[in-house]
Amino acid sequence: MRIVQITDASAQTPDERAIPLSSRDLVSLLDTMYPPRCKLRNEDEEEHQRYAGIRTLIDELMSMIEEDDHAD
């Protein structure tokens, strides 16, 4: 996996600053960072909706990649 480093000083570790160059690797990383989950007990509705939106985007991107794989 090739990665590119960003210069955001707010990132705390080198791993957090690594952005995969491949879109497949990026979607895989996002899938790992935002796994599917239910609403947490202490999570308010706005936070949960934001997380669900992120997860929906990741699922859509994964579907697009899968469709692309099957088209070949």
PDB file of N, CA and C in Angstrom:
ATOM      1  N   MET A   1       0.850  -1.174   0.000  1.00  0.00           N
ATOM      2  CA  MET A   1       0.000   0.000   0.000  1.00  0.00           C
ATOM      3  C   MET A   1       0.893   1.232   0.000  1.00  0.00           C
ATOM      4  N   ARG A   2       0.722   2.086  -1.004  1.00  0.00           N
ATOM      5  CA  ARG A   2       1.456   3.350  -1.040  1.00  0.00           C
ATOM      6  C   ARG A   2       0.662   4.390  -0.280  1.00  0.00           C
ATOM      7  N   ILE A   3       1.344   5.209   0.500  1.00  0.00           N
ATOM      8  CA  ILE A   3       0.667   6.252   1.261  1.00  0.00           C
ATOM      9  C   ILE A   3       1.346   7.584   1.010  1.00  0.00           C
ATOM     10  N   VAL A   4       0.623   8.615   1.290  1.00  0.00           N
ATOM     11  CA  VAL A   4       1.147   9.972   1.179  1.00  0.00           C
ATOM     12  C   VAL A   4       0.973  10.618   2.540  1.00  0.00           C
ATOM     13  N   GLN A   5       1.916  11.410   2.964  1.00  0.00           N
ATOM     14  CA  GLN A   5       1.832  12.063   4.261  1.00  0.00           C
ATOM     15  C   GLN A   5       1.237  13.461   4.100  1.00  0.00           C
ATOM     16  N   ILE A   6       0.314  13.807   4.987  1.00  0.00           N
ATOM     17  CA  ILE A   6      -0.223  15.166   4.980  1.00  0.00           C
ATOM     18  C   ILE A   6       0.512  15.959   6.040  1.00  0.00           C
ATOM     19  N   THR A   7       0.431  17.254   5.971  1.00  0.00           N
ATOM     20  CA  THR A   7       1.203  18.094   6.877  1.00  0.00           C
ATOM     21  C   THR A   7       0.343  18.702   7.970  1.00  0.00           C
ATOM     22  N   ASP A   8      -0.784  18.103   8.266  1.00  0.00           N
ATOM     23  CA  ASP A   8      -1.674  18.609   9.307  1.00  0.00           C
ATOM     24  C   ASP A   8      -1.020  18.423  10.670  1.00  0.00           C
ATOM     25  N   ALA A   9      -0.685  19.503  11.333  1.00  0.00           N
ATOM     26  CA  ALA A   9      -0.014  19.432  12.625  1.00  0.00           C
ATOM     27  C   ALA A   9      -0.925  18.896  13.725  1.00  0.00           C
ATOM     28  N   SER A  10      -2.237  18.907  13.499  1.00  0.00           N
ATOM     29  CA  SER A  10      -3.147  18.436  14.537  1.00  0.00           C
ATOM     30  C   SER A  10      -3.161  16.910  14.641  1.00  0.00           C
ATOM     31  N   ALA A  11      -2.691  16.204  13.613  1.00  0.00           N
ATOM     32  CA  ALA A  11      -2.624  14.744  13.686  1.00  0.00           C
ATOM     33  C   ALA A  11      -1.552  14.367  14.693  1.00  0.00           C
ATOM     34  N   GLN A  12      -1.828  13.342  15.491  1.00  0.00           N
ATOM     35  CA  GLN A  12      -0.947  13.042  16.611  1.00  0.00           C
ATOM     36  C   GLN A  12       0.127  12.011  16.311  1.00  0.00           C
ATOM     37  N   THR A  13      -0.118  11.064  15.443  1.00  0.00           N
ATOM     38  CA  THR A  13       0.874  10.035  15.148  1.00  0.00           C
ATOM     39  C   THR A  13       1.057   9.922  13.645  1.00  0.00           C
ATOM     40  N   PRO A  14       2.193   9.369  13.215  1.00  0.00           N
ATOM     41  CA  PRO A  14       2.394   9.190  11.771  1.00  0.00           C
ATOM     42  C   PRO A  14       1.299   8.339  11.127  1.00  0.00           C
ATOM     43  N   ASP A  15       0.781   7.330  11.834  1.00  0.00           N
ATOM     44  CA  ASP A  15      -0.271   6.495  11.281  1.00  0.00           C
ATOM     45  C   ASP A  15      -1.539   7.288  11.004  1.00  0.00           C
ATOM     46  N   GLU A  16      -1.841   8.271  11.838  1.00  0.00           N
ATOM     47  CA  GLU A  16      -3.032   9.076  11.648  1.00  0.00           C
ATOM     48  C   GLU A  16      -2.881  10.023  10.460  1.00  0.00           C
ATOM     49  N   ARG A  17      -1.650  10.307  10.060  1.00  0.00           N
ATOM     50  CA  ARG A  17      -1.418  11.224   8.949  1.00  0.00           C
ATOM     51  C   ARG A  17      -1.292  10.492   7.623  1.00  0.00           C
ATOM     52  N   ALA A  18      -1.313   9.188   7.647  1.00  0.00           N
ATOM     53  CA  ALA A  18      -1.121   8.420   6.420  1.00  0.00           C
ATOM     54  C   ALA A  18      -2.420   8.339   5.629  1.00  0.00           C
ATOM     55  N   ILE A  19      -2.354   8.761   4.385  1.00  0.00           N
ATOM     56  CA  ILE A  19      -3.513   8.681   3.499  1.00  0.00           C
ATOM     57  C   ILE A  19      -3.144   7.743   2.352  1.00  0.00           C
ATOM     58  N   PRO A  20      -3.842   6.629   2.221  1.00  0.00           N
ATOM     59  CA  PRO A  20      -3.544   5.720   1.120  1.00  0.00           C
ATOM     60  C   PRO A  20      -3.781   6.386  -0.230  1.00  0.00           C
ATOM     61  N   LEU A  21      -2.911   6.100  -1.179  1.00  0.00           N
ATOM     62  CA  LEU A  21      -3.067   6.659  -2.524  1.00  0.00           C
ATOM     63  C   LEU A  21      -4.125   5.915  -3.325  1.00  0.00           C
ATOM     64  N   SER A  22      -4.297   4.640  -3.052  1.00  0.00           N
ATOM     65  CA  SER A  22      -5.297   3.844  -3.748  1.00  0.00           C
ATOM     66  C   SER A  22      -6.670   4.073  -3.125  1.00  0.00           C
ATOM     67  N   SER A  23      -7.684   4.284  -3.961  1.00  0.00           N
ATOM     68  CA  SER A  23      -9.030   4.497  -3.430  1.00  0.00           C
ATOM     69  C   SER A  23      -9.522   3.246  -2.699  1.00  0.00           C
ATOM     70  N   ARG A  24      -9.149   2.079  -3.178  1.00  0.00           N
ATOM     71  CA  ARG A  24      -9.539   0.832  -2.501  1.00  0.00           C
ATOM     72  C   ARG A  24      -8.935   0.763  -1.098  1.00  0.00           C
ATOM     73  N   ASP A  25      -7.669   1.148  -0.988  1.00  0.00           N
ATOM     74  CA  ASP A  25      -7.014   1.149   0.319  1.00  0.00           C
ATOM     75  C   ASP A  25      -7.622   2.198   1.244  1.00  0.00           C
ATOM     76  N   LEU A  26      -7.989   3.340   0.677  1.00  0.00           N
ATOM     77  CA  LEU A  26      -8.612   4.394   1.482  1.00  0.00           C
ATOM     78  C   LEU A  26      -9.958   3.930   2.028  1.00  0.00           C
ATOM     79  N   VAL A  27     -10.778   3.325   1.181  1.00  0.00           N
ATOM     80  CA  VAL A  27     -12.088   2.835   1.631  1.00  0.00           C
ATOM     81  C   VAL A  27     -11.909   1.743   2.683  1.00  0.00           C
ATOM     82  N   SER A  28     -10.917   0.889   2.492  1.00  0.00           N
ATOM     83  CA  SER A  28     -10.634  -0.164   3.480  1.00  0.00           C
ATOM     84  C   SER A  28     -10.223   0.451   4.820  1.00  0.00           C
ATOM     85  N   LEU A  29      -9.398   1.475   4.779  1.00  0.00           N
ATOM     86  CA  LEU A  29      -8.986   2.159   6.003  1.00  0.00           C
ATOM     87  C   LEU A  29     -10.187   2.798   6.694  1.00  0.00           C
ATOM     88  N   LEU A  30     -11.044   3.467   5.931  1.00  0.00           N
ATOM     89  CA  LEU A  30     -12.242   4.088   6.505  1.00  0.00           C
ATOM     90  C   LEU A  30     -13.180   3.039   7.102  1.00  0.00           C
ATOM     91  N   ASP A  31     -13.283   1.889   6.437  1.00  0.00           N
ATOM     92  CA  ASP A  31     -14.108   0.791   6.945  1.00  0.00           C
ATOM     93  C   ASP A  31     -13.589   0.306   8.292  1.00  0.00           C
ATOM     94  N   THR A  32     -12.280   0.287   8.441  1.00  0.00           N
ATOM     95  CA  THR A  32     -11.663  -0.115   9.709  1.00  0.00           C
ATOM     96  C   THR A  32     -11.874   0.950  10.788  1.00  0.00           C
ATOM     97  N   MET A  33     -11.761   2.219  10.389  1.00  0.00           N
ATOM     98  CA  MET A  33     -11.897   3.319  11.348  1.00  0.00           C
ATOM     99  C   MET A  33     -13.338   3.523  11.810  1.00  0.00           C
ATOM    100  N   TYR A  34     -14.297   3.230  10.924  1.00  0.00           N
ATOM    101  CA  TYR A  34     -15.717   3.434  11.219  1.00  0.00           C
ATOM    102  C   TYR A  34     -16.488   2.138  10.970  1.00  0.00           C
ATOM    103  N   PRO A  35     -16.320   1.158  11.853  1.00  0.00           N
ATOM    104  CA  PRO A  35     -17.022  -0.115  11.647  1.00  0.00           C
ATOM    105  C   PRO A  35     -18.532   0.047  11.848  1.00  0.00           C
ATOM    106  N   PRO A  36     -19.313  -0.845  11.232  1.00  0.00           N
ATOM    107  CA  PRO A  36     -20.759  -0.785  11.471  1.00  0.00           C
ATOM    108  C   PRO A  36     -21.040  -0.990  12.959  1.00  0.00           C
ATOM    109  N   ARG A  37     -21.950  -0.201  13.503  1.00  0.00           N
ATOM    110  CA  ARG A  37     -22.304  -0.352  14.918  1.00  0.00           C
ATOM    111  C   ARG A  37     -23.659   0.259  15.186  1.00  0.00           C
ATOM    112  N   CYS A  38     -24.215  -0.118  16.310  1.00  0.00           N
ATOM    113  CA  CYS A  38     -25.479   0.455  16.773  1.00  0.00           C
ATOM    114  C   CYS A  38     -25.194   1.732  17.557  1.00  0.00           C
ATOM    115  N   LYS A  39     -26.224   2.470  17.841  1.00  0.00           N
ATOM    116  CA  LYS A  39     -26.108   3.687  18.640  1.00  0.00           C
ATOM    117  C   LYS A  39     -25.599   3.324  20.029  1.00  0.00           C
ATOM    118  N   LEU A  40     -24.624   4.091  20.492  1.00  0.00           N
ATOM    119  CA  LEU A  40     -24.071   3.866  21.828  1.00  0.00           C
ATOM    120  C   LEU A  40     -24.993   4.463  22.883  1.00  0.00           C
ATOM    121  N   ARG A  41     -24.938   3.928  24.071  1.00  0.00           N
ATOM    122  CA  ARG A  41     -25.826   4.420  25.146  1.00  0.00           C
ATOM    123  C   ARG A  41     -25.643   5.897  25.454  1.00  0.00           C
ATOM    124  N   ASN A  42     -24.390   6.347  25.497  1.00  0.00           N
ATOM    125  CA  ASN A  42     -24.125   7.744  25.869  1.00  0.00           C
ATOM    126  C   ASN A  42     -24.010   8.665  24.653  1.00  0.00           C
ATOM    127  N   GLU A  43     -24.331   8.169  23.474  1.00  0.00           N
ATOM    128  CA  GLU A  43     -24.216   8.948  22.247  1.00  0.00           C
ATOM    129  C   GLU A  43     -25.519   9.708  21.986  1.00  0.00           C
ATOM    130  N   ASP A  44     -25.409  11.018  21.749  1.00  0.00           N
ATOM    131  CA  ASP A  44     -26.641  11.748  21.458  1.00  0.00           C
ATOM    132  C   ASP A  44     -27.051  11.517  20.003  1.00  0.00           C
ATOM    133  N   GLU A  45     -28.255  11.906  19.683  1.00  0.00           N
ATOM    134  CA  GLU A  45     -28.833  11.616  18.367  1.00  0.00           C
ATOM    135  C   GLU A  45     -28.030  12.246  17.230  1.00  0.00           C
ATOM    136  N   GLU A  46     -27.560  13.463  17.423  1.00  0.00           N
ATOM    137  CA  GLU A  46     -26.790  14.144  16.374  1.00  0.00           C
ATOM    138  C   GLU A  46     -25.483  13.405  16.083  1.00  0.00           C
ATOM    139  N   GLU A  47     -24.780  12.997  17.125  1.00  0.00           N
ATOM    140  CA  GLU A  47     -23.541  12.236  16.931  1.00  0.00           C
ATOM    141  C   GLU A  47     -23.811  10.927  16.198  1.00  0.00           C
ATOM    142  N   HIS A  48     -24.877  10.259  16.590  1.00  0.00           N
ATOM    143  CA  HIS A  48     -25.214   8.987  15.964  1.00  0.00           C
ATOM    144  C   HIS A  48     -25.580   9.174  14.490  1.00  0.00           C
ATOM    145  N   GLN A  49     -26.333  10.206  14.178  1.00  0.00           N
ATOM    146  CA  GLN A  49     -26.700  10.466  12.791  1.00  0.00           C
ATOM    147  C   GLN A  49     -25.463  10.783  11.946  1.00  0.00           C
ATOM    148  N   ARG A  50     -24.532  11.514  12.516  1.00  0.00           N
ATOM    149  CA  ARG A  50     -23.292  11.836  11.808  1.00  0.00           C
ATOM    150  C   ARG A  50     -22.508  10.551  11.524  1.00  0.00           C
ATOM    151  N   TYR A  51     -22.377   9.687  12.518  1.00  0.00           N
ATOM    152  CA  TYR A  51     -21.673   8.418  12.346  1.00  0.00           C
ATOM    153  C   TYR A  51     -22.379   7.554  11.301  1.00  0.00           C
ATOM    154  N   ALA A  52     -23.693   7.492  11.374  1.00  0.00           N
ATOM    155  CA  ALA A  52     -24.471   6.691  10.428  1.00  0.00           C
ATOM    156  C   ALA A  52     -24.283   7.211   9.001  1.00  0.00           C
ATOM    157  N   GLY A  53     -24.182   8.519   8.828  1.00  0.00           N
ATOM    158  CA  GLY A  53     -23.949   9.097   7.514  1.00  0.00           C
ATOM    159  C   GLY A  53     -22.584   8.717   6.965  1.00  0.00           C
ATOM    160  N   ILE A  54     -21.580   8.757   7.816  1.00  0.00           N
ATOM    161  CA  ILE A  54     -20.233   8.341   7.413  1.00  0.00           C
ATOM    162  C   ILE A  54     -20.258   6.877   6.996  1.00  0.00           C
ATOM    163  N   ARG A  55     -20.921   6.060   7.815  1.00  0.00           N
ATOM    164  CA  ARG A  55     -20.976   4.628   7.539  1.00  0.00           C
ATOM    165  C   ARG A  55     -21.731   4.342   6.233  1.00  0.00           C
ATOM    166  N   THR A  56     -22.791   5.096   5.966  1.00  0.00           N
ATOM    167  CA  THR A  56     -23.549   4.926   4.727  1.00  0.00           C
ATOM    168  C   THR A  56     -22.674   5.234   3.518  1.00  0.00           C
ATOM    169  N   LEU A  57     -21.887   6.296   3.595  1.00  0.00           N
ATOM    170  CA  LEU A  57     -20.980   6.641   2.507  1.00  0.00           C
ATOM    171  C   LEU A  57     -19.961   5.524   2.283  1.00  0.00           C
ATOM    172  N   ILE A  58     -19.382   5.007   3.353  1.00  0.00           N
ATOM    173  CA  ILE A  58     -18.408   3.914   3.236  1.00  0.00           C
ATOM    174  C   ILE A  58     -19.051   2.697   2.587  1.00  0.00           C
ATOM    175  N   ASP A  59     -20.264   2.351   3.003  1.00  0.00           N
ATOM    176  CA  ASP A  59     -20.967   1.205   2.413  1.00  0.00           C
ATOM    177  C   ASP A  59     -21.211   1.419   0.919  1.00  0.00           C
ATOM    178  N   GLU A  60     -21.581   2.629   0.528  1.00  0.00           N
ATOM    179  CA  GLU A  60     -21.806   2.930  -0.885  1.00  0.00           C
ATOM    180  C   GLU A  60     -20.507   2.807  -1.683  1.00  0.00           C
ATOM    181  N   LEU A  61     -19.421   3.318  -1.131  1.00  0.00           N
ATOM    182  CA  LEU A  61     -18.139   3.218  -1.810  1.00  0.00           C
ATOM    183  C   LEU A  61     -17.693   1.765  -1.950  1.00  0.00           C
ATOM    184  N   MET A  62     -17.915   0.965  -0.906  1.00  0.00           N
ATOM    185  CA  MET A  62     -17.580  -0.451  -0.962  1.00  0.00           C
ATOM    186  C   MET A  62     -18.410  -1.161  -2.029  1.00  0.00           C
ATOM    187  N   SER A  63     -19.678  -0.796  -2.160  1.00  0.00           N
ATOM    188  CA  SER A  63     -20.539  -1.382  -3.187  1.00  0.00           C
ATOM    189  C   SER A  63     -20.055  -1.014  -4.585  1.00  0.00           C
ATOM    190  N   MET A  64     -19.633   0.234  -4.755  1.00  0.00           N
ATOM    191  CA  MET A  64     -19.122   0.666  -6.050  1.00  0.00           C
ATOM    192  C   MET A  64     -17.854  -0.101  -6.430  1.00  0.00           C
ATOM    193  N   ILE A  65     -16.975  -0.316  -5.467  1.00  0.00           N
ATOM    194  CA  ILE A  65     -15.745  -1.056  -5.714  1.00  0.00           C
ATOM    195  C   ILE A  65     -16.074  -2.505  -6.071  1.00  0.00           C
ATOM    196  N   GLU A  66     -17.017  -3.089  -5.340  1.00  0.00           N
ATOM    197  CA  GLU A  66     -17.419  -4.468  -5.618  1.00  0.00           C
ATOM    198  C   GLU A  66     -18.024  -4.595  -7.016  1.00  0.00           C
ATOM    199  N   GLU A  67     -18.880  -3.647  -7.391  1.00  0.00           N
ATOM    200  CA  GLU A  67     -19.459  -3.655  -8.734  1.00  0.00           C
ATOM    201  C   GLU A  67     -18.385  -3.529  -9.795  1.00  0.00           C
ATOM    202  N   ASP A  68     -17.400  -2.676  -9.534  1.00  0.00           N
ATOM    203  CA  ASP A  68     -16.304  -2.498 -10.472  1.00  0.00           C
ATOM    204  C   ASP A  68     -15.491  -3.787 -10.618  1.00  0.00           C
ATOM    205  N   ASP A  69     -15.294  -4.490  -9.516  1.00  0.00           N
ATOM    206  CA  ASP A  69     -14.562  -5.764  -9.552  1.00  0.00           C
ATOM    207  C   ASP A  69     -15.299  -6.803 -10.383  1.00  0.00           C
ATOM    208  N   HIS A  70     -16.611  -6.828 -10.302  1.00  0.00           N
ATOM    209  CA  HIS A  70     -17.396  -7.824 -11.021  1.00  0.00           C
ATOM    210  C   HIS A  70     -17.608  -7.450 -12.486  1.00  0.00           C
ATOM    211  N   ALA A  71     -17.377  -6.205 -12.829  1.00  0.00           N
ATOM    212  CA  ALA A  71     -17.542  -5.757 -14.202  1.00  0.00           C
ATOM    213  C   ALA A  71     -16.386  -6.216 -15.079  1.00  0.00           C
ATOM    214  N   ASP A  72     -15.244  -6.502 -14.463  1.00  0.00           N
ATOM    215  CA  ASP A  72     -14.063  -6.928 -15.227  1.00  0.00           C
ATOM    216  C   ASP A  72     -14.151  -8.313 -15.663  1.00  0.00           C
TER     217      ASP A  72
END
